Amino acid sequence: MVEEKNRFVAMRDGVRLACDIYRPDAPGRKFPALLSTSLYGKDVQKVTDERRPLSPRHGNGGQEAGDTRFFVSRGYVHVVAGARGAGDSEGIRAGSSMRGSITSGGDT
C-alpha cells in the first residue's frame, strides 16, 4: 500500500482540504476511489489494531472512514479528507452539518 499523507486538494472556490491518500502499490494503474470526509479532521480516522472496549468519549478510534487496509487490498484508492475548517483543512466549518462538505465532496 502506498500512503500519501497531508496532501491538499483545491475546491472550486480555492479552499484546500487536507487529505491522506492510500492506494494499491501498482504504478501506472488506475483504480476506483472511495472518499471519506470527517468533521473532526482526517487524522482521527484510523481503525486501530487493538481489540479493546469502546471508550465512552472516543469510541475505538475514528472508524467512520472505514478500514483503509480492507479497501486498498481490494483494489480501491481510499481518500480520507478533513471537512472544511476541520483539522488542517482550510475554510470555515459550517456548524455540525455536512452542507459545506457535500459540495466539497464533489470537488474532491
N, C-alpha and C. Protein backbone atom coordinates (compact mmCIF):
# COMPACT_ATOMS: atom_id res chain seq x y z
N MET A 1 0.85 -1.17 0.00
CA MET A 1 0.00 0.00 0.00
C MET A 1 0.90 1.24 0.00
N VAL A 2 0.55 2.19 -0.85
CA VAL A 2 1.27 3.46 -0.91
C VAL A 2 0.45 4.50 -0.16
N GLU A 3 1.11 5.24 0.72
CA GLU A 3 0.44 6.29 1.51
C GLU A 3 0.96 7.66 1.09
N GLU A 4 0.05 8.56 0.80
CA GLU A 4 0.40 9.96 0.53
C GLU A 4 -0.28 10.79 1.61
N LYS A 5 0.50 11.25 2.57
CA LYS A 5 -0.06 11.96 3.73
C LYS A 5 -0.04 13.47 3.49
N ASN A 6 -1.01 14.14 4.09
CA ASN A 6 -1.06 15.60 4.13
C ASN A 6 -1.01 16.24 2.75
N ARG A 7 -1.79 15.70 1.83
CA ARG A 7 -1.94 16.31 0.51
C ARG A 7 -3.09 17.30 0.59
N PHE A 8 -3.02 18.37 -0.16
CA PHE A 8 -4.09 19.36 -0.17
C PHE A 8 -4.76 19.37 -1.54
N VAL A 9 -6.10 19.28 -1.53
CA VAL A 9 -6.88 19.26 -2.76
C VAL A 9 -7.71 20.54 -2.79
N ALA A 10 -7.58 21.30 -3.89
CA ALA A 10 -8.28 22.58 -4.01
C ALA A 10 -9.73 22.37 -4.46
N MET A 11 -10.64 23.07 -3.80
CA MET A 11 -12.04 23.07 -4.18
C MET A 11 -12.25 24.18 -5.22
N ARG A 12 -13.43 24.22 -5.84
CA ARG A 12 -13.69 25.21 -6.89
C ARG A 12 -13.61 26.64 -6.39
N ASP A 13 -13.80 26.86 -5.07
CA ASP A 13 -13.71 28.23 -4.53
C ASP A 13 -12.32 28.55 -4.00
N GLY A 14 -11.37 27.66 -4.20
CA GLY A 14 -9.99 27.90 -3.79
C GLY A 14 -9.62 27.34 -2.43
N VAL A 15 -10.60 26.96 -1.61
CA VAL A 15 -10.32 26.36 -0.31
C VAL A 15 -9.65 25.01 -0.54
N ARG A 16 -8.66 24.70 0.28
CA ARG A 16 -7.93 23.44 0.14
C ARG A 16 -8.25 22.53 1.33
N LEU A 17 -8.60 21.29 1.02
CA LEU A 17 -8.88 20.30 2.06
C LEU A 17 -7.66 19.41 2.24
N ALA A 18 -7.34 19.13 3.50
CA ALA A 18 -6.23 18.22 3.82
C ALA A 18 -6.71 16.78 3.63
N CYS A 19 -5.92 16.00 2.92
CA CYS A 19 -6.29 14.62 2.61
C CYS A 19 -5.11 13.68 2.83
N ASP A 20 -5.43 12.47 3.21
CA ASP A 20 -4.47 11.37 3.18
C ASP A 20 -4.99 10.43 2.09
N ILE A 21 -4.10 9.98 1.22
CA ILE A 21 -4.49 9.13 0.10
C ILE A 21 -3.75 7.81 0.22
N TYR A 22 -4.51 6.73 0.17
CA TYR A 22 -3.95 5.38 0.27
C TYR A 22 -4.33 4.64 -1.01
N ARG A 23 -3.36 3.99 -1.65
CA ARG A 23 -3.65 3.31 -2.90
C ARG A 23 -2.84 2.03 -3.02
N PRO A 24 -3.32 1.12 -3.87
CA PRO A 24 -2.55 -0.10 -4.10
C PRO A 24 -1.19 0.24 -4.70
N ASP A 25 -0.20 -0.56 -4.39
CA ASP A 25 1.16 -0.36 -4.90
C ASP A 25 1.26 -0.99 -6.28
N ALA A 26 0.74 -0.29 -7.28
CA ALA A 26 0.75 -0.77 -8.66
C ALA A 26 0.90 0.45 -9.57
N PRO A 27 2.13 0.94 -9.74
CA PRO A 27 2.36 2.15 -10.53
C PRO A 27 1.79 2.06 -11.94
N GLY A 28 1.19 3.17 -12.38
CA GLY A 28 0.65 3.25 -13.73
C GLY A 28 -0.75 2.71 -13.90
N ARG A 29 -1.29 2.06 -12.90
CA ARG A 29 -2.65 1.52 -13.00
C ARG A 29 -3.64 2.50 -12.40
N LYS A 30 -4.87 2.45 -12.90
CA LYS A 30 -5.94 3.29 -12.36
C LYS A 30 -6.86 2.42 -11.51
N PHE A 31 -7.38 3.03 -10.43
CA PHE A 31 -8.26 2.31 -9.51
C PHE A 31 -9.45 3.20 -9.17
N PRO A 32 -10.60 2.61 -8.86
CA PRO A 32 -11.72 3.42 -8.36
C PRO A 32 -11.36 3.97 -6.99
N ALA A 33 -11.97 5.10 -6.63
CA ALA A 33 -11.64 5.74 -5.35
C ALA A 33 -12.87 5.84 -4.46
N LEU A 34 -12.63 5.72 -3.17
CA LEU A 34 -13.65 5.93 -2.14
C LEU A 34 -13.23 7.15 -1.34
N LEU A 35 -14.16 8.08 -1.11
CA LEU A 35 -13.87 9.30 -0.36
C LEU A 35 -14.56 9.24 0.99
N SER A 36 -13.80 9.48 2.04
CA SER A 36 -14.34 9.58 3.40
C SER A 36 -14.00 10.97 3.92
N THR A 37 -15.00 11.67 4.45
CA THR A 37 -14.80 13.02 4.96
C THR A 37 -15.18 13.06 6.43
N SER A 38 -14.37 13.75 7.23
CA SER A 38 -14.64 13.82 8.66
C SER A 38 -14.76 15.26 9.13
N LEU A 39 -15.78 15.51 9.93
CA LEU A 39 -15.94 16.83 10.56
C LEU A 39 -14.92 17.07 11.65
N TYR A 40 -14.20 16.02 12.04
CA TYR A 40 -13.24 16.12 13.14
C TYR A 40 -11.79 16.10 12.64
N GLY A 41 -11.59 16.17 11.34
CA GLY A 41 -10.24 16.12 10.78
C GLY A 41 -9.89 14.71 10.36
N LYS A 42 -9.02 14.61 9.38
CA LYS A 42 -8.66 13.31 8.81
C LYS A 42 -7.83 12.45 9.75
N ASP A 43 -7.08 13.09 10.64
CA ASP A 43 -6.12 12.34 11.45
C ASP A 43 -6.75 11.46 12.52
N VAL A 44 -8.01 11.67 12.85
CA VAL A 44 -8.66 10.80 13.84
C VAL A 44 -9.32 9.59 13.19
N GLN A 45 -9.30 9.52 11.88
CA GLN A 45 -9.98 8.44 11.17
C GLN A 45 -9.08 7.25 10.96
N LYS A 46 -8.82 6.54 12.01
CA LYS A 46 -7.95 5.37 11.96
C LYS A 46 -8.65 4.18 12.61
N VAL A 47 -8.54 3.04 11.99
CA VAL A 47 -9.02 1.81 12.61
C VAL A 47 -7.82 1.24 13.36
N THR A 48 -7.99 1.01 14.63
CA THR A 48 -6.87 0.51 15.43
C THR A 48 -6.77 -1.00 15.31
N ASP A 49 -5.59 -1.51 15.56
CA ASP A 49 -5.39 -2.96 15.58
C ASP A 49 -5.76 -3.55 16.93
N GLU A 50 -5.90 -2.68 17.91
CA GLU A 50 -6.17 -3.15 19.26
C GLU A 50 -7.62 -3.62 19.38
N ARG A 51 -7.80 -4.67 20.09
CA ARG A 51 -9.15 -5.16 20.42
C ARG A 51 -9.42 -4.71 21.84
N ARG A 52 -10.15 -3.64 21.97
CA ARG A 52 -10.40 -3.09 23.30
C ARG A 52 -11.85 -2.62 23.37
N PRO A 53 -12.37 -2.46 24.57
CA PRO A 53 -13.74 -1.96 24.70
C PRO A 53 -13.83 -0.53 24.17
N LEU A 54 -15.00 -0.17 23.70
CA LEU A 54 -15.22 1.19 23.23
C LEU A 54 -15.14 2.17 24.39
N SER A 55 -14.47 3.27 24.16
CA SER A 55 -14.40 4.34 25.15
C SER A 55 -15.65 5.19 25.01
N PRO A 56 -16.30 5.59 26.13
CA PRO A 56 -17.49 6.43 26.02
C PRO A 56 -17.19 7.77 25.35
N ARG A 57 -15.96 8.24 25.47
CA ARG A 57 -15.63 9.55 24.90
C ARG A 57 -15.09 9.47 23.48
N HIS A 58 -14.26 8.48 23.20
CA HIS A 58 -13.58 8.43 21.90
C HIS A 58 -13.91 7.20 21.07
N GLY A 59 -14.78 6.35 21.57
CA GLY A 59 -15.07 5.13 20.83
C GLY A 59 -13.82 4.27 20.75
N ASN A 60 -13.57 3.71 19.60
CA ASN A 60 -12.40 2.86 19.40
C ASN A 60 -11.53 3.45 18.31
N GLY A 61 -11.42 4.77 18.30
CA GLY A 61 -10.75 5.46 17.21
C GLY A 61 -11.81 5.98 16.26
N GLY A 62 -11.43 6.79 15.32
CA GLY A 62 -12.40 7.33 14.36
C GLY A 62 -12.64 6.34 13.25
N GLN A 63 -13.68 5.56 13.36
CA GLN A 63 -13.89 4.49 12.39
C GLN A 63 -14.93 4.82 11.34
N GLU A 64 -15.38 6.08 11.29
CA GLU A 64 -16.38 6.43 10.28
C GLU A 64 -15.83 6.27 8.87
N ALA A 65 -14.54 6.46 8.70
CA ALA A 65 -13.93 6.39 7.36
C ALA A 65 -13.84 4.96 6.84
N GLY A 66 -13.93 4.00 7.72
CA GLY A 66 -13.80 2.61 7.29
C GLY A 66 -12.37 2.11 7.41
N ASP A 67 -12.17 0.89 7.01
CA ASP A 67 -10.88 0.22 7.15
C ASP A 67 -10.07 0.38 5.87
N THR A 68 -9.11 1.28 5.90
CA THR A 68 -8.29 1.57 4.73
C THR A 68 -7.63 0.32 4.17
N ARG A 69 -7.07 -0.51 5.03
CA ARG A 69 -6.39 -1.72 4.56
C ARG A 69 -7.35 -2.64 3.79
N PHE A 70 -8.58 -2.74 4.28
CA PHE A 70 -9.60 -3.55 3.62
C PHE A 70 -9.86 -3.03 2.21
N PHE A 71 -10.09 -1.72 2.09
CA PHE A 71 -10.41 -1.13 0.78
C PHE A 71 -9.25 -1.27 -0.20
N VAL A 72 -8.05 -0.91 0.24
CA VAL A 72 -6.89 -0.93 -0.66
C VAL A 72 -6.56 -2.36 -1.10
N SER A 73 -6.69 -3.31 -0.19
CA SER A 73 -6.38 -4.70 -0.55
C SER A 73 -7.36 -5.25 -1.59
N ARG A 74 -8.48 -4.58 -1.78
CA ARG A 74 -9.48 -4.99 -2.77
C ARG A 74 -9.47 -4.10 -4.01
N GLY A 75 -8.40 -3.31 -4.17
CA GLY A 75 -8.23 -2.55 -5.40
C GLY A 75 -8.85 -1.17 -5.43
N TYR A 76 -9.06 -0.56 -4.28
CA TYR A 76 -9.60 0.80 -4.23
C TYR A 76 -8.55 1.78 -3.71
N VAL A 77 -8.64 3.01 -4.19
CA VAL A 77 -7.91 4.12 -3.58
C VAL A 77 -8.82 4.64 -2.48
N HIS A 78 -8.27 4.89 -1.30
CA HIS A 78 -9.06 5.42 -0.19
C HIS A 78 -8.54 6.81 0.14
N VAL A 79 -9.40 7.81 -0.05
CA VAL A 79 -9.06 9.20 0.25
C VAL A 79 -9.78 9.58 1.53
N VAL A 80 -9.02 9.98 2.54
CA VAL A 80 -9.59 10.40 3.83
C VAL A 80 -9.31 11.89 3.96
N ALA A 81 -10.37 12.69 3.97
CA ALA A 81 -10.23 14.15 3.97
C ALA A 81 -10.87 14.76 5.21
N GLY A 82 -10.30 15.84 5.66
CA GLY A 82 -10.93 16.65 6.70
C GLY A 82 -11.90 17.60 6.04
N ALA A 83 -13.07 17.79 6.62
CA ALA A 83 -14.06 18.72 6.08
C ALA A 83 -13.53 20.15 6.20
N ARG A 84 -14.21 21.08 5.57
CA ARG A 84 -13.83 22.49 5.66
C ARG A 84 -13.70 22.91 7.11
N GLY A 85 -12.57 23.53 7.42
CA GLY A 85 -12.35 24.05 8.77
C GLY A 85 -12.02 22.98 9.80
N ALA A 86 -11.87 21.75 9.38
CA ALA A 86 -11.56 20.66 10.32
C ALA A 86 -10.10 20.26 10.19
N GLY A 87 -9.43 20.11 11.31
CA GLY A 87 -8.02 19.71 11.27
C GLY A 87 -7.20 20.71 10.49
N ASP A 88 -6.44 20.23 9.53
CA ASP A 88 -5.58 21.10 8.71
C ASP A 88 -6.29 21.66 7.49
N SER A 89 -7.54 21.30 7.26
CA SER A 89 -8.26 21.80 6.09
C SER A 89 -8.57 23.28 6.25
N GLU A 90 -8.54 23.98 5.13
CA GLU A 90 -8.85 25.41 5.14
C GLU A 90 -10.36 25.61 5.13
N GLY A 91 -10.77 26.86 5.24
CA GLY A 91 -12.18 27.20 5.15
C GLY A 91 -12.83 27.32 6.51
N ILE A 92 -14.11 27.59 6.48
CA ILE A 92 -14.89 27.80 7.70
C ILE A 92 -15.84 26.63 7.86
N ARG A 93 -15.79 26.04 9.01
CA ARG A 93 -16.68 24.92 9.31
C ARG A 93 -18.10 25.44 9.44
N ALA A 94 -19.03 24.77 8.77
CA ALA A 94 -20.43 25.18 8.78
C ALA A 94 -21.19 24.46 9.88
N GLY A 95 -20.85 24.74 11.12
CA GLY A 95 -21.52 24.10 12.25
C GLY A 95 -21.30 22.60 12.25
N SER A 96 -22.30 21.87 12.70
CA SER A 96 -22.15 20.42 12.77
C SER A 96 -22.84 19.73 11.59
N SER A 97 -23.26 20.51 10.60
CA SER A 97 -23.92 19.89 9.45
C SER A 97 -22.90 19.55 8.38
N MET A 98 -23.32 18.78 7.43
CA MET A 98 -22.44 18.38 6.34
C MET A 98 -22.72 19.21 5.08
N ARG A 99 -23.51 20.30 5.18
CA ARG A 99 -23.88 21.06 3.98
C ARG A 99 -22.67 21.48 3.16
N GLY A 100 -21.67 22.08 3.78
CA GLY A 100 -20.49 22.51 3.05
C GLY A 100 -19.69 21.34 2.52
N SER A 101 -19.77 20.22 3.19
CA SER A 101 -18.99 19.05 2.78
C SER A 101 -19.58 18.37 1.55
N ILE A 102 -20.86 18.58 1.30
CA ILE A 102 -21.47 17.95 0.13
C ILE A 102 -20.83 18.49 -1.14
N THR A 103 -20.75 19.81 -1.25
CA THR A 103 -20.10 20.41 -2.42
C THR A 103 -18.63 20.05 -2.45
N SER A 104 -17.96 20.10 -1.31
CA SER A 104 -16.54 19.77 -1.26
C SER A 104 -16.30 18.33 -1.67
N GLY A 105 -17.19 17.44 -1.31
CA GLY A 105 -17.02 16.04 -1.69
C GLY A 105 -17.02 15.86 -3.19
N GLY A 106 -17.89 16.57 -3.88
CA GLY A 106 -17.92 16.51 -5.34
C GLY A 106 -16.65 17.07 -5.95
N ASP A 107 -16.14 18.14 -5.37
CA ASP A 107 -14.90 18.76 -5.87
C ASP A 107 -13.70 17.87 -5.63
N THR A 108 -13.69 17.16 -4.50
CA THR A 108 -12.55 16.32 -4.16
C THR A 108 -12.43 15.19 -5.14
